[in-house]
PDB file of N, CA and C in Angstrom:
ATOM      1  N   MET A   1     -24.336   9.853  12.167  1.00  0.00           N
ATOM      2  CA  MET A   1     -23.228   9.686  10.973  1.00  0.00           C
ATOM      3  C   MET A   1     -22.250   8.690  11.128  1.00  0.00           C
ATOM      4  N   LYS A   2     -21.965   8.035  10.245  1.00  0.00           N
ATOM      5  CA  LYS A   2     -20.833   6.928  10.260  1.00  0.00           C
ATOM      6  C   LYS A   2     -19.343   7.173   9.768  1.00  0.00           C
ATOM      7  N   ILE A   3     -18.409   7.476  10.149  1.00  0.00           N
ATOM      8  CA  ILE A   3     -17.097   8.048   9.608  1.00  0.00           C
ATOM      9  C   ILE A   3     -16.048   6.853  10.040  1.00  0.00           C
ATOM     10  N   HIS A   4     -15.079   6.672   9.166  1.00  0.00           N
ATOM     11  CA  HIS A   4     -13.893   5.803   9.273  1.00  0.00           C
ATOM     12  C   HIS A   4     -12.818   6.151  10.505  1.00  0.00           C
ATOM     13  N   GLU A   5     -12.269   5.089  10.759  1.00  0.00           N
ATOM     14  CA  GLU A   5     -11.312   5.740  11.901  1.00  0.00           C
ATOM     15  C   GLU A   5     -10.286   6.602  11.516  1.00  0.00           C
ATOM     16  N   TYR A   6      -9.820   6.554  10.055  1.00  0.00           N
ATOM     17  CA  TYR A   6      -8.616   7.758   9.625  1.00  0.00           C
ATOM     18  C   TYR A   6      -9.228   8.969   9.886  1.00  0.00           C
ATOM     19  N   GLN A   7     -10.757   9.037   9.413  1.00  0.00           N
ATOM     20  CA  GLN A   7     -11.541  10.176   9.354  1.00  0.00           C
ATOM     21  C   GLN A   7     -11.527  10.898  11.025  1.00  0.00           C
ATOM     22  N   ALA A   8     -11.734   9.856  12.066  1.00  0.00           N
ATOM     23  CA  ALA A   8     -11.933  10.469  13.104  1.00  0.00           C
ATOM     24  C   ALA A   8     -10.691  11.013  13.883  1.00  0.00           C
ATOM     25  N   LYS A   9      -9.627  10.237  13.302  1.00  0.00           N
ATOM     26  CA  LYS A   9      -8.421  10.564  13.754  1.00  0.00           C
ATOM     27  C   LYS A   9      -7.812  12.194  13.182  1.00  0.00           C
ATOM     28  N   THR A  10      -8.222  12.095  11.986  1.00  0.00           N
ATOM     29  CA  THR A  10      -8.067  13.590  11.523  1.00  0.00           C
ATOM     30  C   THR A  10      -8.686  14.728  12.192  1.00  0.00           C
ATOM     31  N   ILE A  11     -10.067  14.518  12.507  1.00  0.00           N
ATOM     32  CA  ILE A  11     -10.943  15.312  13.205  1.00  0.00           C
ATOM     33  C   ILE A  11     -10.136  15.632  14.477  1.00  0.00           C
ATOM     34  N   LEU A  12      -9.992  14.698  15.459  1.00  0.00           N
ATOM     35  CA  LEU A  12      -9.588  14.637  16.612  1.00  0.00           C
ATOM     36  C   LEU A  12      -8.353  15.763  16.639  1.00  0.00           C
ATOM     37  N   LYS A  13      -7.421  15.337  15.400  1.00  0.00           N
ATOM     38  CA  LYS A  13      -6.017  15.978  15.730  1.00  0.00           C
ATOM     39  C   LYS A  13      -6.307  17.299  15.481  1.00  0.00           C
ATOM     40  N   ARG A  14      -7.029  17.740  14.677  1.00  0.00           N
ATOM     41  CA  ARG A  14      -7.273  19.335  14.394  1.00  0.00           C
ATOM     42  C   ARG A  14      -7.640  19.804  15.617  1.00  0.00           C
ATOM     43  N   PHE A  15      -8.555  19.292  16.473  1.00  0.00           N
ATOM     44  CA  PHE A  15      -8.862  19.960  17.634  1.00  0.00           C
ATOM     45  C   PHE A  15      -7.740  19.653  19.137  1.00  0.00           C
ATOM     46  N   GLY A  16      -6.885  19.150  18.718  1.00  0.00           N
ATOM     47  CA  GLY A  16      -5.648  19.020  19.717  1.00  0.00           C
ATOM     48  C   GLY A  16      -5.634  17.826  20.354  1.00  0.00           C
ATOM     49  N   VAL A  17      -6.741  16.908  20.095  1.00  0.00           N
ATOM     50  CA  VAL A  17      -6.711  15.508  21.071  1.00  0.00           C
ATOM     51  C   VAL A  17      -5.661  14.371  20.566  1.00  0.00           C
ATOM     52  N   ALA A  18      -4.701  14.122  21.414  1.00  0.00           N
ATOM     53  CA  ALA A  18      -3.614  13.133  21.140  1.00  0.00           C
ATOM     54  C   ALA A  18      -4.048  11.692  20.553  1.00  0.00           C
ATOM     55  N   VAL A  19      -3.868  11.555  19.246  1.00  0.00           N
ATOM     56  CA  VAL A  19      -4.271  10.153  18.825  1.00  0.00           C
ATOM     57  C   VAL A  19      -2.995   9.268  18.583  1.00  0.00           C
ATOM     58  N   PRO A  20      -3.158   8.030  18.636  1.00  0.00           N
ATOM     59  CA  PRO A  20      -1.964   7.174  18.516  1.00  0.00           C
ATOM     60  C   PRO A  20      -1.689   7.111  16.854  1.00  0.00           C
ATOM     61  N   GLY A  21      -0.647   6.993  16.709  1.00  0.00           N
ATOM     62  CA  GLY A  21      -0.004   6.555  15.090  1.00  0.00           C
ATOM     63  C   GLY A  21      -0.287   5.345  14.852  1.00  0.00           C
ATOM     64  N   GLY A  22      -0.268   4.813  13.796  1.00  0.00           N
ATOM     65  CA  GLY A  22      -0.394   3.597  13.334  1.00  0.00           C
ATOM     66  C   GLY A  22       0.185   2.978  11.752  1.00  0.00           C
ATOM     67  N   GLU A  23       0.469   2.084  11.553  1.00  0.00           N
ATOM     68  CA  GLU A  23       0.922   1.396  10.403  1.00  0.00           C
ATOM     69  C   GLU A  23      -0.029   0.336  10.014  1.00  0.00           C
ATOM     70  N   ILE A  24       0.021   0.050   8.562  1.00  0.00           N
ATOM     71  CA  ILE A  24      -0.765  -1.186   8.108  1.00  0.00           C
ATOM     72  C   ILE A  24       0.114  -1.919   7.401  1.00  0.00           C
ATOM     73  N   ALA A  25       0.237  -3.279   7.813  1.00  0.00           N
ATOM     74  CA  ALA A  25       1.112  -4.507   7.164  1.00  0.00           C
ATOM     75  C   ALA A  25      -0.005  -5.596   7.095  1.00  0.00           C
ATOM     76  N   ASP A  26       0.221  -5.972   5.578  1.00  0.00           N
ATOM     77  CA  ASP A  26      -0.455  -7.183   4.908  1.00  0.00           C
ATOM     78  C   ASP A  26       0.075  -8.307   5.649  1.00  0.00           C
ATOM     79  N   ASP A  27       1.061  -8.726   5.952  1.00  0.00           N
ATOM     80  CA  ASP A  27       1.549  -9.810   6.469  1.00  0.00           C
ATOM     81  C   ASP A  27       2.652  -9.503   7.584  1.00  0.00           C
ATOM     82  N   SER A  28       3.057 -10.715   8.246  1.00  0.00           N
ATOM     83  CA  SER A  28       4.141 -10.509   9.276  1.00  0.00           C
ATOM     84  C   SER A  28       5.460 -10.466   8.975  1.00  0.00           C
ATOM     85  N   THR A  29       5.639 -10.405   7.586  1.00  0.00           N
ATOM     86  CA  THR A  29       7.092  -9.592   7.497  1.00  0.00           C
ATOM     87  C   THR A  29       6.970  -8.113   7.236  1.00  0.00           C
ATOM     88  N   GLN A  30       6.053  -7.847   6.702  1.00  0.00           N
ATOM     89  CA  GLN A  30       5.683  -6.282   6.956  1.00  0.00           C
ATOM     90  C   GLN A  30       5.582  -5.741   8.253  1.00  0.00           C
ATOM     91  N   ALA A  31       4.905  -6.416   9.022  1.00  0.00           N
ATOM     92  CA  ALA A  31       4.722  -6.075  10.642  1.00  0.00           C
ATOM     93  C   ALA A  31       6.184  -6.141  11.377  1.00  0.00           C
ATOM     94  N   ARG A  32       6.993  -6.906  10.855  1.00  0.00           N
ATOM     95  CA  ARG A  32       8.222  -7.132  11.742  1.00  0.00           C
ATOM     96  C   ARG A  32       9.193  -5.959  11.335  1.00  0.00           C
ATOM     97  N   ALA A  33       9.377  -5.679  10.054  1.00  0.00           N
ATOM     98  CA  ALA A  33       9.876  -4.553   9.300  1.00  0.00           C
ATOM     99  C   ALA A  33       9.558  -3.327  10.220  1.00  0.00           C
ATOM    100  N   GLU A  34       8.390  -2.936  10.224  1.00  0.00           N
ATOM    101  CA  GLU A  34       7.856  -1.906  10.817  1.00  0.00           C
ATOM    102  C   GLU A  34       8.362  -1.773  12.050  1.00  0.00           C
ATOM    103  N   LEU A  35       7.748  -2.645  12.828  1.00  0.00           N
ATOM    104  CA  LEU A  35       8.450  -2.737  14.218  1.00  0.00           C
ATOM    105  C   LEU A  35      10.075  -2.291  14.588  1.00  0.00           C
ATOM    106  N   TRP A  36      10.965  -2.981  13.657  1.00  0.00           N
ATOM    107  CA  TRP A  36      12.414  -2.786  13.798  1.00  0.00           C
ATOM    108  C   TRP A  36      12.881  -1.429  13.061  1.00  0.00           C
ATOM    109  N   SER A  37      12.048  -1.212  12.278  1.00  0.00           N
ATOM    110  CA  SER A  37      12.532   0.343  11.756  1.00  0.00           C
ATOM    111  C   SER A  37      12.597   1.386  12.784  1.00  0.00           C
ATOM    112  N   ARG A  38      11.360   1.385  13.503  1.00  0.00           N
ATOM    113  CA  ARG A  38      11.075   2.525  14.200  1.00  0.00           C
ATOM    114  C   ARG A  38      11.571   2.248  15.634  1.00  0.00           C
ATOM    115  N   ARG A  39      11.997   1.236  15.989  1.00  0.00           N
ATOM    116  CA  ARG A  39      12.433   0.676  17.419  1.00  0.00           C
ATOM    117  C   ARG A  39      11.203   0.332  18.321  1.00  0.00           C
ATOM    118  N   ARG A  40      10.343   0.058  17.716  1.00  0.00           N
ATOM    119  CA  ARG A  40       8.970  -0.274  18.681  1.00  0.00           C
ATOM    120  C   ARG A  40       8.749  -1.609  18.874  1.00  0.00           C
ATOM    121  N   PHE A  41       8.446  -2.041  20.095  1.00  0.00           N
ATOM    122  CA  PHE A  41       8.341  -3.431  20.372  1.00  0.00           C
ATOM    123  C   PHE A  41       6.817  -3.635  21.050  1.00  0.00           C
ATOM    124  N   MET A  42       6.141  -2.771  20.695  1.00  0.00           N
ATOM    125  CA  MET A  42       4.678  -2.977  21.320  1.00  0.00           C
ATOM    126  C   MET A  42       3.648  -3.331  19.805  1.00  0.00           C
ATOM    127  N   LEU A  43       3.264  -4.260  19.915  1.00  0.00           N
ATOM    128  CA  LEU A  43       1.991  -4.501  18.984  1.00  0.00           C
ATOM    129  C   LEU A  43       0.491  -4.706  19.158  1.00  0.00           C
ATOM    130  N   ALA A  44      -0.136  -3.968  18.140  1.00  0.00           N
ATOM    131  CA  ALA A  44      -1.428  -4.200  18.596  1.00  0.00           C
ATOM    132  C   ALA A  44      -2.112  -4.705  17.091  1.00  0.00           C
ATOM    133  N   GLY A  45      -3.114  -5.719  17.169  1.00  0.00           N
ATOM    134  CA  GLY A  45      -3.417  -6.235  15.753  1.00  0.00           C
ATOM    135  C   GLY A  45      -4.943  -6.141  15.845  1.00  0.00           C
ATOM    136  N   VAL A  46      -5.016  -5.639  14.356  1.00  0.00           N
ATOM    137  CA  VAL A  46      -6.707  -5.656  14.332  1.00  0.00           C
ATOM    138  C   VAL A  46      -7.059  -6.196  12.791  1.00  0.00           C
ATOM    139  N   ALA A  47      -8.053  -7.000  12.911  1.00  0.00           N
ATOM    140  CA  ALA A  47      -8.428  -7.592  11.531  1.00  0.00           C
ATOM    141  C   ALA A  47      -9.823  -6.970  11.103  1.00  0.00           C
ATOM    142  N   ARG A  48     -10.041  -6.304   9.806  1.00  0.00           N
ATOM    143  CA  ARG A  48     -11.253  -5.786   9.580  1.00  0.00           C
ATOM    144  C   ARG A  48     -11.624  -6.218   7.957  1.00  0.00           C
ATOM    145  N   VAL A  49     -12.906  -6.601   8.118  1.00  0.00           N
ATOM    146  CA  VAL A  49     -13.497  -6.839   7.120  1.00  0.00           C
ATOM    147  C   VAL A  49     -14.627  -5.897   6.525  1.00  0.00           C
ATOM    148  N   ALA A  50     -14.454  -5.530   5.315  1.00  0.00           N
ATOM    149  CA  ALA A  50     -15.287  -4.423   4.894  1.00  0.00           C
ATOM    150  C   ALA A  50     -16.449  -5.204   3.760  1.00  0.00           C
ATOM    151  N   ALA A  51     -17.615  -5.349   4.198  1.00  0.00           N
ATOM    152  CA  ALA A  51     -18.711  -6.059   3.443  1.00  0.00           C
ATOM    153  C   ALA A  51     -19.649  -5.091   2.745  1.00  0.00           C
TER     154      ALA A  51
END
């Protein structure tokens, strides 16, 4: 079975597994705004291409 990451997170949360939160940013301006708004200064980037 193939599932998307957001689906896996939902299933894992349902069973009490701690999963990291995340936000989507389409550009560096959005990423910077998200970091400052939540006072988070750690960043992990992931690039995805759906074909």
